[in-house]
Amino acid sequence: MSILAKPQYAGVLGVLRPVVADDWDSPIEDGPAQDEIDDDIEGEQQTMEFDDHEVPDLVYDSDDEDSEDEDSDADCDSDGDAKMKDLKAVIKEASKGVVESTDAEYKRLNKQCEKFIHDAGFISEDEDFFTNKPHPQSAIFIVAWIMSRCDDIELDGKPKDPSIPRDSYSHAQKMRASATYGFGRLNGLGSLPWQKSEVSGRMLGNPSISEDVSRYMVSLRKKKVRAGEVATSARAITPVL
């Protein structure tokens, strides 16, 4: 049984599939429309885009190559491997797409997210959440993390005590953006929406760019607006380049 099926997380599944009473086939009217979800996904994908000028030209020194012509094949292979590692490291650094302060903030939020997911028991302590092979329920874990900080209901679906502080919608966007960054930039999953492969049956893409996360973010924004919060645009936050 999935840990999300436990009563203490009933509220997480509830916000992803809001219903009238016990009728699971009748979504409430205030639920996000599909075009709103699609628009949110498109906006989040755009945060993973970067222009050619952000990646520097990477070339080897021709003089160094010429001077190594007489080296053994083994030395050439070793030198080539080292250069390839250096090349990959430079490309990864150049492809971050954000300034250092934003990179540091997103990494800080990534650590908070991973701690929450470990503490909740969603994955074991020895597992990394942000990897290039995400857990199949990663998108729902992201929703639970944002919900725990920004929503007015607990993960079990009960209303939060008014004394418990709740973060703003703009902070929820930042949390989501950090997750998109953690999977998309730092683990190379890019802007491919989270989806099940028709070939392998496995989940592929970036869990933060998913219908589940977008559905929740659109619903959260509506809830914040009703509560009187001056919400930012429903479109995703674009990192400062």
Protein backbone atom coordinates (compact mmCIF):
# COMPACT_ATOMS: atom_id res chain seq x y z
CA MET A 1 0.00 0.00 0.00
CA SER A 2 1.27 3.45 -0.89
CA ILE A 3 2.15 5.63 2.08
CA LEU A 4 -0.11 8.29 0.56
CA ALA A 5 -3.09 6.00 1.17
CA LYS A 6 -2.65 6.41 4.92
CA PRO A 7 -5.20 8.63 6.72
CA GLN A 8 -2.59 11.22 7.72
CA TYR A 9 -2.11 12.08 4.03
CA ALA A 10 -5.74 11.98 2.92
CA GLY A 11 -5.72 15.74 2.41
CA VAL A 12 -2.94 15.53 -0.19
CA LEU A 13 -4.95 13.27 -2.47
CA GLY A 14 -8.03 15.35 -1.71
CA VAL A 15 -6.54 18.57 -3.11
CA LEU A 16 -5.46 16.73 -6.25
CA ARG A 17 -8.92 15.32 -6.89
CA PRO A 18 -11.48 17.60 -5.24
CA VAL A 19 -14.99 16.16 -5.18
CA VAL A 20 -18.53 16.86 -4.10
CA ALA A 21 -19.34 14.81 -0.99
CA ASP A 22 -18.43 11.17 -1.70
CA ASP A 23 -19.05 11.31 -5.43
CA TRP A 24 -15.61 10.76 -6.97
CA ASP A 25 -17.02 11.30 -10.47
CA SER A 26 -18.20 14.86 -9.81
CA PRO A 27 -15.36 17.41 -9.52
CA ILE A 28 -16.23 20.65 -7.77
CA GLU A 29 -16.88 23.62 -10.03
CA ASP A 30 -14.01 25.63 -8.60
CA GLY A 31 -11.43 23.05 -9.64
CA PRO A 32 -8.91 24.19 -12.25
CA ALA A 33 -9.87 23.82 -15.89
CA GLN A 34 -7.59 21.83 -18.17
CA ASP A 35 -6.51 24.95 -20.07
CA GLU A 36 -5.40 26.53 -16.77
CA ILE A 37 -3.35 23.42 -15.97
CA ASP A 38 -1.84 23.36 -19.47
CA ASP A 39 -0.95 27.05 -19.20
CA ASP A 40 0.77 26.48 -15.86
CA ILE A 41 2.76 23.54 -17.26
CA GLU A 42 3.85 25.65 -20.25
CA GLY A 43 4.93 28.46 -17.95
CA GLU A 44 6.98 26.12 -15.80
CA GLN A 45 8.63 24.62 -18.88
CA GLN A 46 9.78 28.10 -19.87
CA THR A 47 11.84 28.37 -16.68
CA MET A 48 14.08 25.63 -18.08
CA GLU A 49 14.81 27.47 -21.30
CA PHE A 50 18.05 29.40 -21.79
CA ASP A 51 19.62 31.20 -24.70
CA ASP A 52 22.72 30.12 -26.58
CA HIS A 53 24.71 33.04 -25.13
CA GLU A 54 24.41 31.49 -21.66
CA VAL A 55 26.60 28.55 -22.67
CA PRO A 56 30.16 29.61 -23.48
CA ASP A 57 32.08 28.34 -26.47
CA LEU A 58 34.13 25.39 -25.31
CA VAL A 59 37.18 24.49 -27.42
CA TYR A 60 40.40 22.69 -26.77
CA ASP A 61 43.77 24.38 -27.21
CA SER A 62 45.09 23.18 -30.58
CA ASP A 63 48.69 23.71 -29.48
CA ASP A 64 48.16 21.29 -26.60
CA GLU A 65 46.70 18.71 -28.96
CA ASP A 66 49.62 19.03 -31.38
CA SER A 67 52.19 18.66 -28.61
CA GLU A 68 50.67 15.37 -27.53
CA ASP A 69 50.90 13.67 -30.94
CA GLU A 70 53.74 11.42 -29.84
CA ASP A 71 52.15 10.24 -26.59
CA SER A 72 50.97 6.69 -26.17
CA ASP A 73 47.39 5.70 -26.91
CA ALA A 74 46.83 5.13 -23.21
CA ASP A 75 47.95 8.65 -22.37
CA CYS A 76 45.71 10.05 -25.11
CA ASP A 77 42.72 8.14 -23.78
CA SER A 78 43.42 9.35 -20.25
CA ASP A 79 43.81 12.95 -21.41
CA GLY A 80 40.62 12.69 -23.46
CA ASP A 81 38.66 11.37 -20.49
CA ALA A 82 39.93 14.19 -18.29
CA LYS A 83 39.00 16.80 -20.88
CA MET A 84 35.54 15.28 -21.28
CA LYS A 85 34.98 15.43 -17.52
CA ASP A 86 36.10 19.05 -17.49
CA LEU A 87 33.82 19.79 -20.44
CA LYS A 88 30.81 18.24 -18.74
CA ALA A 89 31.51 20.14 -15.54
CA VAL A 90 31.73 23.47 -17.39
CA ILE A 91 28.56 22.76 -19.37
CA LYS A 92 26.66 21.85 -16.19
CA GLU A 93 27.83 25.04 -14.47
CA ALA A 94 27.05 27.20 -17.50
CA SER A 95 23.62 25.63 -17.92
CA LYS A 96 22.36 26.52 -14.45
CA GLY A 97 20.48 29.44 -15.97
CA VAL A 98 20.38 31.42 -12.72
CA VAL A 99 22.65 33.77 -10.81
CA GLU A 100 24.64 32.39 -7.90
CA SER A 101 22.29 33.76 -5.24
CA THR A 102 19.26 32.11 -6.89
CA ASP A 103 21.17 28.86 -7.30
CA ALA A 104 22.04 28.91 -3.59
CA GLU A 105 18.42 29.69 -2.60
CA TYR A 106 17.02 26.90 -4.76
CA LYS A 107 19.53 24.42 -3.34
CA ARG A 108 18.57 25.52 0.18
CA LEU A 109 14.91 24.87 -0.60
CA ASN A 110 15.83 21.54 -2.18
CA LYS A 111 17.38 20.49 1.13
CA GLN A 112 14.23 21.55 2.97
CA CYS A 113 12.12 19.56 0.53
CA GLU A 114 14.24 16.45 0.89
CA LYS A 115 14.14 16.71 4.70
CA PHE A 116 10.35 17.02 4.63
CA ILE A 117 10.05 13.97 2.37
CA HIS A 118 12.36 11.92 4.60
CA ASP A 119 10.56 13.02 7.78
CA ALA A 120 7.19 12.16 6.22
CA GLY A 121 8.45 8.68 5.41
CA PHE A 122 7.80 9.02 1.69
CA ILE A 123 11.28 7.67 0.93
CA SER A 124 13.93 6.12 3.16
CA GLU A 125 16.62 8.24 4.79
CA ASP A 126 19.32 6.75 2.57
CA GLU A 127 17.51 7.71 -0.63
CA ASP A 128 18.00 10.98 -2.49
CA PHE A 129 14.83 12.69 -3.66
CA PHE A 130 16.45 14.85 -6.32
CA THR A 131 17.96 12.37 -8.77
CA ASN A 132 17.84 11.68 -12.50
CA LYS A 133 15.58 8.70 -11.74
CA PRO A 134 12.81 10.18 -9.56
CA HIS A 135 10.42 8.20 -7.38
CA PRO A 136 7.20 7.44 -9.34
CA GLN A 137 5.17 9.55 -6.88
CA SER A 138 7.60 12.47 -6.79
CA ALA A 139 5.04 14.94 -8.16
CA ILE A 140 2.63 14.19 -5.32
CA PHE A 141 5.47 14.48 -2.79
CA ILE A 142 6.18 17.99 -4.12
CA VAL A 143 2.50 18.89 -3.69
CA ALA A 144 2.60 17.62 -0.09
CA TRP A 145 5.70 19.72 0.64
CA ILE A 146 4.19 22.93 -0.71
CA MET A 147 0.87 22.16 0.95
CA SER A 148 2.55 21.72 4.34
CA ARG A 149 3.89 25.28 4.19
CA CYS A 150 1.37 27.28 2.20
CA ASP A 151 -2.09 25.73 2.45
CA ASP A 152 -4.80 26.30 5.04
CA ILE A 153 -5.42 22.59 5.51
CA GLU A 154 -3.20 19.91 7.01
CA LEU A 155 -1.92 16.94 5.05
CA ASP A 156 -4.70 14.85 6.59
CA GLY A 157 -7.33 17.21 5.20
CA LYS A 158 -8.23 18.94 8.47
CA PRO A 159 -8.17 22.75 8.70
CA LYS A 160 -4.95 24.22 10.06
CA ASP A 161 -5.10 26.04 13.35
CA PRO A 162 -5.26 29.80 12.65
CA SER A 163 -2.18 30.27 14.83
CA ILE A 164 -0.05 28.25 12.40
CA PRO A 165 1.69 30.60 9.93
CA ARG A 166 1.16 29.94 6.23
CA ASP A 167 3.50 31.07 3.50
CA SER A 168 2.30 33.14 0.56
CA TYR A 169 1.47 32.00 -2.93
CA SER A 170 4.63 33.67 -4.20
CA HIS A 171 6.64 31.52 -1.79
CA ALA A 172 4.77 28.44 -3.03
CA GLN A 173 5.88 29.40 -6.54
CA LYS A 174 9.46 29.68 -5.35
CA MET A 175 9.25 26.25 -3.70
CA ARG A 176 7.91 24.76 -6.92
CA ALA A 177 10.55 26.57 -8.99
CA SER A 178 13.29 25.14 -6.78
CA ALA A 179 11.96 21.62 -7.34
CA THR A 180 11.80 22.23 -11.10
CA TYR A 181 15.40 23.46 -10.93
CA GLY A 182 16.55 20.55 -8.76
CA PHE A 183 15.27 17.96 -11.21
CA GLY A 184 15.57 19.92 -14.44
CA ARG A 185 18.94 21.66 -14.15
CA LEU A 186 20.86 19.87 -11.42
CA ASN A 187 19.84 16.38 -12.49
CA GLY A 188 19.49 16.93 -16.21
CA LEU A 189 15.78 16.14 -16.61
CA GLY A 190 15.09 19.45 -18.35
CA SER A 191 11.59 20.62 -19.21
CA LEU A 192 10.00 17.34 -20.32
CA PRO A 193 6.64 17.08 -18.55
CA TRP A 194 6.25 14.21 -16.07
CA GLN A 195 4.59 11.32 -17.89
CA LYS A 196 4.40 7.56 -18.09
CA SER A 197 6.36 5.96 -20.92
CA GLU A 198 4.15 4.00 -23.30
CA VAL A 199 7.09 1.66 -23.92
CA SER A 200 8.48 0.90 -20.45
CA GLY A 201 5.55 1.96 -18.28
CA ARG A 202 7.96 4.00 -16.15
CA MET A 203 7.61 7.66 -15.26
CA LEU A 204 9.81 10.00 -17.29
CA GLY A 205 10.56 13.72 -17.25
CA ASN A 206 10.56 16.41 -14.58
CA PRO A 207 8.14 15.65 -11.69
CA SER A 208 7.69 19.35 -10.92
CA ILE A 209 6.39 19.93 -14.46
CA SER A 210 3.35 17.73 -14.06
CA GLU A 211 -0.43 17.85 -14.10
CA ASP A 212 -0.56 17.05 -10.38
CA VAL A 213 1.70 19.94 -9.36
CA SER A 214 0.11 22.36 -11.83
CA ARG A 215 -3.39 21.40 -10.74
CA TYR A 216 -2.46 22.08 -7.14
CA MET A 217 -0.72 25.38 -7.87
CA VAL A 218 -3.71 26.73 -9.83
CA SER A 219 -6.09 25.64 -7.05
CA LEU A 220 -3.85 27.16 -4.36
CA ARG A 221 -3.74 30.49 -6.19
CA LYS A 222 -7.55 30.61 -6.36
CA LYS A 223 -7.75 29.80 -2.67
CA LYS A 224 -5.23 32.53 -1.80
CA VAL A 225 -7.14 35.09 -3.89
CA ARG A 226 -10.40 34.21 -2.15
CA ALA A 227 -8.64 34.68 1.16
CA GLY A 228 -7.63 38.20 0.12
CA GLU A 229 -3.98 37.58 -0.67
CA VAL A 230 -2.60 39.66 -3.50
CA ALA A 231 -1.40 36.74 -5.56
CA THR A 232 1.27 36.92 -8.21
CA SER A 233 0.61 35.65 -11.72
CA ALA A 234 -0.32 32.01 -12.06
CA ARG A 235 2.51 31.72 -14.57
CA ALA A 236 5.65 30.20 -13.17
CA ILE A 237 8.47 32.25 -11.71
CA THR A 238 11.25 32.79 -14.24
CA PRO A 239 14.69 32.59 -12.62
CA VAL A 240 16.86 35.70 -12.75
CA LEU A 241 19.54 35.08 -15.35
